[in-house]
Amino acid sequence: MKTPPTLQIFYGISSPWAYFGAHRAQAIARKHGAALSLRPIRIIEANGGIPLRTRLAPRQDYHALELSRWREHLGMPLNLAPRFYPCRTIETAAQAVIAIQQAGLDAPAFSFAVQRALWAEERDIADLPTLQDIARATVGEAGAALVRDPAAADIRAQWLANLAEAESLGIFGTPTYVVDGELFWGQDRLDFVDRALARRS
């Protein structure tokens, strides 16, 4: 009997592309009976990742154009210039995802609600009470209790482990989907993720 494959998602919680790809990635994992592992990270500059706000104006302008195209294509709400982006910090939200996942709660639901809060609801995902409210609404009081700043030592350690593994794998941008060590950068590569999981399931 084959071991079920795993789909790892290395992503920035504030990435609009990760927001666009979240539900489709989950559906692909379910389709193939794959385990889903959320691995929150930030852009890995050591591997050539370039934060959006440091890119030249033509690249930022094209980024906005592509966001507009994809929100129309996918029918998903997205503000092109959300009030709280760039975020003051993503670590609190990212570490909350890790804590909720490690507790066996519905981390994908919480993660997507955080992404939607930033990109469609004009909410500050660097704000601890806001994150606790989102957790309470998606995974209940047990989840809200896990949203802390600072996070527990083991959660911070996992955050650092995510960053270290992403760097060692050669990941630079987010989201990057990983199937058996094979990298797929960007939500527009999800068709290839689907095929990779089909070969392994």
Foldseek 3Di string as FASTA:
>chain_A
DADAWAKEWEFALQDVLCLLQLVVLVVLCVVLVHHYHYQYAAFQVVLPADDLVVDDPVVNVVVLVVSVVSCVVSVHAFDSDAPQPPDPDRVLVNLLLVQCVVVVFDSSQLSSLLNCCGTPVSDHSVDLVVSLVSCCVRGRNVSSVQRDVVHDPVSVVSRVVSNVVCVVLSGGHPTWMAIPSDTDHTSVCVVVVSVVSVVRD
